[in-house]
Amino acid sequence: MKSDQITDGEPAFPCEGFKGISTRDYFAAKALQSLIAVRCEPYASNYDWGLLTAEAYDAADAMLWRRSDVPGGADAQQS
């Protein structure tokens, strides 16, 4: 799956005067938290941030793709 085929999704947590971050960025942030918790040693400073963030965005893209693949789109999942 190519990231140019994935949209950023609708804004996450928009409020008055602030459109919110993209759903893709929100999903990537959540995935990055999990990757750090599982793979990184506490207090270590030698993380491969490029690899971790690439994997986080791959996970976010997969989540957005899955939401778009559901019959009825993402809105069908909310009901």
N, C-alpha and C. Protein backbone atom coordinates (compact mmCIF):
# COMPACT_ATOMS: atom_id res chain seq x y z
N MET A 1 0.84 -1.17 0.00
CA MET A 1 0.00 0.00 0.00
C MET A 1 0.89 1.23 0.00
N LYS A 2 0.61 2.15 -0.89
CA LYS A 2 1.39 3.37 -0.98
C LYS A 2 0.70 4.48 -0.22
N SER A 3 1.50 5.30 0.47
CA SER A 3 0.90 6.38 1.25
C SER A 3 0.23 7.43 0.39
N ASP A 4 0.60 7.53 -0.90
CA ASP A 4 -0.06 8.51 -1.76
C ASP A 4 -1.47 8.06 -2.13
N GLN A 5 -1.82 6.82 -1.82
CA GLN A 5 -3.16 6.32 -2.04
C GLN A 5 -4.04 6.52 -0.82
N ILE A 6 -3.45 6.92 0.29
CA ILE A 6 -4.16 7.10 1.55
C ILE A 6 -4.35 8.59 1.81
N THR A 7 -5.55 8.97 2.15
CA THR A 7 -5.76 10.36 2.54
C THR A 7 -5.45 10.49 4.03
N ASP A 8 -5.32 11.71 4.50
CA ASP A 8 -5.05 11.94 5.92
C ASP A 8 -6.27 11.68 6.80
N GLY A 9 -7.40 11.45 6.20
CA GLY A 9 -8.61 11.28 6.97
C GLY A 9 -9.13 12.63 7.43
N GLU A 10 -10.27 12.61 8.05
CA GLU A 10 -10.86 13.85 8.55
C GLU A 10 -10.06 14.34 9.76
N PRO A 11 -10.22 15.60 10.12
CA PRO A 11 -9.50 16.09 11.31
C PRO A 11 -9.92 15.32 12.57
N ALA A 12 -8.96 15.05 13.41
CA ALA A 12 -9.25 14.39 14.69
C ALA A 12 -9.44 15.47 15.75
N PHE A 13 -10.50 15.41 16.49
CA PHE A 13 -10.79 16.31 17.60
C PHE A 13 -10.84 17.79 17.20
N PRO A 14 -11.58 18.13 16.15
CA PRO A 14 -11.67 19.55 15.82
C PRO A 14 -12.49 20.29 16.87
N CYS A 15 -12.22 21.54 17.04
CA CYS A 15 -13.02 22.38 17.94
C CYS A 15 -13.03 23.79 17.36
N GLU A 16 -13.78 24.65 17.95
CA GLU A 16 -13.92 26.01 17.43
C GLU A 16 -12.56 26.69 17.34
N GLY A 17 -12.22 27.17 16.15
CA GLY A 17 -10.98 27.87 15.94
C GLY A 17 -9.77 26.98 15.71
N PHE A 18 -9.95 25.66 15.74
CA PHE A 18 -8.83 24.72 15.55
C PHE A 18 -9.35 23.51 14.81
N LYS A 19 -8.78 23.24 13.65
CA LYS A 19 -9.32 22.12 12.86
C LYS A 19 -8.91 20.76 13.40
N GLY A 20 -7.93 20.70 14.28
CA GLY A 20 -7.48 19.42 14.83
C GLY A 20 -6.37 18.83 13.98
N ILE A 21 -5.71 17.83 14.51
CA ILE A 21 -4.67 17.15 13.74
C ILE A 21 -5.36 16.17 12.80
N SER A 22 -4.61 15.71 11.81
CA SER A 22 -5.21 14.74 10.90
C SER A 22 -5.39 13.40 11.62
N THR A 23 -6.35 12.65 11.15
CA THR A 23 -6.56 11.31 11.71
C THR A 23 -5.32 10.45 11.52
N ARG A 24 -4.63 10.63 10.39
CA ARG A 24 -3.41 9.87 10.14
C ARG A 24 -2.35 10.18 11.19
N ASP A 25 -2.15 11.46 11.50
CA ASP A 25 -1.18 11.82 12.53
C ASP A 25 -1.58 11.28 13.90
N TYR A 26 -2.86 11.32 14.20
CA TYR A 26 -3.34 10.79 15.49
C TYR A 26 -3.07 9.29 15.58
N PHE A 27 -3.43 8.56 14.53
CA PHE A 27 -3.17 7.11 14.53
C PHE A 27 -1.68 6.82 14.63
N ALA A 28 -0.85 7.58 13.91
CA ALA A 28 0.60 7.37 13.95
C ALA A 28 1.15 7.63 15.35
N ALA A 29 0.65 8.66 16.01
CA ALA A 29 1.10 8.95 17.37
C ALA A 29 0.77 7.80 18.32
N LYS A 30 -0.42 7.25 18.19
CA LYS A 30 -0.81 6.12 19.04
C LYS A 30 0.04 4.89 18.74
N ALA A 31 0.29 4.64 17.46
CA ALA A 31 1.13 3.50 17.09
C ALA A 31 2.55 3.69 17.59
N LEU A 32 3.07 4.91 17.50
CA LEU A 32 4.43 5.19 17.98
C LEU A 32 4.55 4.93 19.48
N GLN A 33 3.52 5.30 20.24
CA GLN A 33 3.53 5.01 21.69
C GLN A 33 3.71 3.52 21.93
N SER A 34 2.97 2.72 21.20
CA SER A 34 3.05 1.27 21.39
C SER A 34 4.41 0.72 20.96
N LEU A 35 4.92 1.21 19.85
CA LEU A 35 6.23 0.75 19.39
C LEU A 35 7.32 1.07 20.40
N ILE A 36 7.27 2.26 20.96
CA ILE A 36 8.27 2.64 21.97
C ILE A 36 8.13 1.77 23.21
N ALA A 37 6.90 1.55 23.65
CA ALA A 37 6.67 0.76 24.86
C ALA A 37 7.15 -0.68 24.71
N VAL A 38 6.99 -1.24 23.54
CA VAL A 38 7.32 -2.65 23.32
C VAL A 38 8.79 -2.85 22.96
N ARG A 39 9.35 -1.95 22.16
CA ARG A 39 10.68 -2.19 21.60
C ARG A 39 11.83 -1.46 22.28
N CYS A 40 11.57 -0.42 22.99
CA CYS A 40 12.66 0.43 23.48
C CYS A 40 12.94 0.18 24.96
N GLU A 41 14.21 0.13 25.28
CA GLU A 41 14.63 -0.02 26.66
C GLU A 41 14.40 1.28 27.42
N PRO A 42 13.95 1.18 28.68
CA PRO A 42 13.77 2.40 29.46
C PRO A 42 15.07 3.20 29.56
N TYR A 43 14.96 4.48 29.40
CA TYR A 43 16.07 5.44 29.56
C TYR A 43 17.16 5.30 28.50
N ALA A 44 16.93 4.50 27.47
CA ALA A 44 17.92 4.40 26.39
C ALA A 44 17.77 5.60 25.46
N SER A 45 18.84 5.99 24.83
CA SER A 45 18.76 7.15 23.93
C SER A 45 19.16 6.79 22.50
N ASN A 46 19.33 5.53 22.23
CA ASN A 46 19.81 5.13 20.91
C ASN A 46 18.70 4.54 20.04
N TYR A 47 17.51 5.11 20.12
CA TYR A 47 16.40 4.64 19.30
C TYR A 47 16.65 4.98 17.85
N ASP A 48 16.17 4.16 16.95
CA ASP A 48 16.17 4.48 15.53
C ASP A 48 14.84 5.16 15.23
N TRP A 49 14.80 6.47 15.48
CA TRP A 49 13.54 7.23 15.35
C TRP A 49 13.00 7.18 13.93
N GLY A 50 13.88 7.16 12.94
CA GLY A 50 13.42 7.08 11.55
C GLY A 50 12.64 5.80 11.29
N LEU A 51 13.16 4.68 11.79
CA LEU A 51 12.49 3.40 11.63
C LEU A 51 11.19 3.36 12.43
N LEU A 52 11.23 3.81 13.68
CA LEU A 52 10.03 3.79 14.51
C LEU A 52 8.91 4.64 13.91
N THR A 53 9.25 5.85 13.45
CA THR A 53 8.20 6.71 12.90
C THR A 53 7.69 6.17 11.56
N ALA A 54 8.57 5.58 10.74
CA ALA A 54 8.12 4.98 9.49
C ALA A 54 7.13 3.85 9.76
N GLU A 55 7.43 3.02 10.75
CA GLU A 55 6.52 1.93 11.11
C GLU A 55 5.22 2.46 11.68
N ALA A 56 5.29 3.55 12.44
CA ALA A 56 4.08 4.14 13.01
C ALA A 56 3.17 4.67 11.90
N TYR A 57 3.75 5.33 10.90
CA TYR A 57 2.93 5.83 9.78
C TYR A 57 2.45 4.69 8.90
N ASP A 58 3.20 3.61 8.78
CA ASP A 58 2.71 2.44 8.06
C ASP A 58 1.46 1.88 8.76
N ALA A 59 1.52 1.82 10.08
CA ALA A 59 0.37 1.34 10.85
C ALA A 59 -0.82 2.29 10.68
N ALA A 60 -0.56 3.60 10.72
CA ALA A 60 -1.63 4.58 10.55
C ALA A 60 -2.27 4.44 9.17
N ASP A 61 -1.44 4.27 8.14
CA ASP A 61 -1.97 4.09 6.78
C ASP A 61 -2.83 2.84 6.69
N ALA A 62 -2.40 1.77 7.35
CA ALA A 62 -3.18 0.53 7.35
C ALA A 62 -4.52 0.74 8.04
N MET A 63 -4.52 1.49 9.13
CA MET A 63 -5.78 1.77 9.83
C MET A 63 -6.72 2.60 8.96
N LEU A 64 -6.20 3.62 8.29
CA LEU A 64 -7.03 4.44 7.40
C LEU A 64 -7.54 3.62 6.22
N TRP A 65 -6.68 2.77 5.67
CA TRP A 65 -7.10 1.92 4.56
C TRP A 65 -8.22 0.99 5.01
N ARG A 66 -8.07 0.41 6.17
CA ARG A 66 -9.09 -0.52 6.68
C ARG A 66 -10.41 0.20 6.90
N ARG A 67 -10.36 1.40 7.44
CA ARG A 67 -11.59 2.17 7.64
C ARG A 67 -12.28 2.47 6.32
N SER A 68 -11.50 2.78 5.28
CA SER A 68 -12.09 3.10 3.98
C SER A 68 -12.59 1.85 3.27
N ASP A 69 -12.11 0.67 3.67
CA ASP A 69 -12.47 -0.59 3.04
C ASP A 69 -13.77 -1.16 3.60
N VAL A 70 -14.24 -0.63 4.71
CA VAL A 70 -15.45 -1.12 5.35
C VAL A 70 -16.66 -0.64 4.55
N PRO A 71 -17.62 -1.52 4.23
CA PRO A 71 -18.81 -1.06 3.51
C PRO A 71 -19.46 0.10 4.26
N GLY A 72 -19.72 1.17 3.56
CA GLY A 72 -20.31 2.36 4.18
C GLY A 72 -19.27 3.34 4.67
N GLY A 73 -17.99 2.99 4.57
CA GLY A 73 -16.91 3.89 4.99
C GLY A 73 -16.77 3.97 6.50
N ALA A 74 -16.01 4.93 6.94
CA ALA A 74 -15.71 5.08 8.37
C ALA A 74 -16.96 5.38 9.17
N ASP A 75 -17.93 6.07 8.58
CA ASP A 75 -19.15 6.42 9.32
C ASP A 75 -19.94 5.18 9.73
N ALA A 76 -19.83 4.11 8.96
CA ALA A 76 -20.55 2.88 9.30
C ALA A 76 -20.04 2.28 10.59
N GLN A 77 -18.79 2.53 10.93
CA GLN A 77 -18.19 1.99 12.14
C GLN A 77 -18.68 2.70 13.40
N GLN A 78 -19.18 3.91 13.25
CA GLN A 78 -19.60 4.69 14.42
C GLN A 78 -20.98 4.31 14.90
N SER A 79 -21.77 3.61 14.09
CA SER A 79 -23.13 3.27 14.51
C SER A 79 -23.20 1.95 15.22
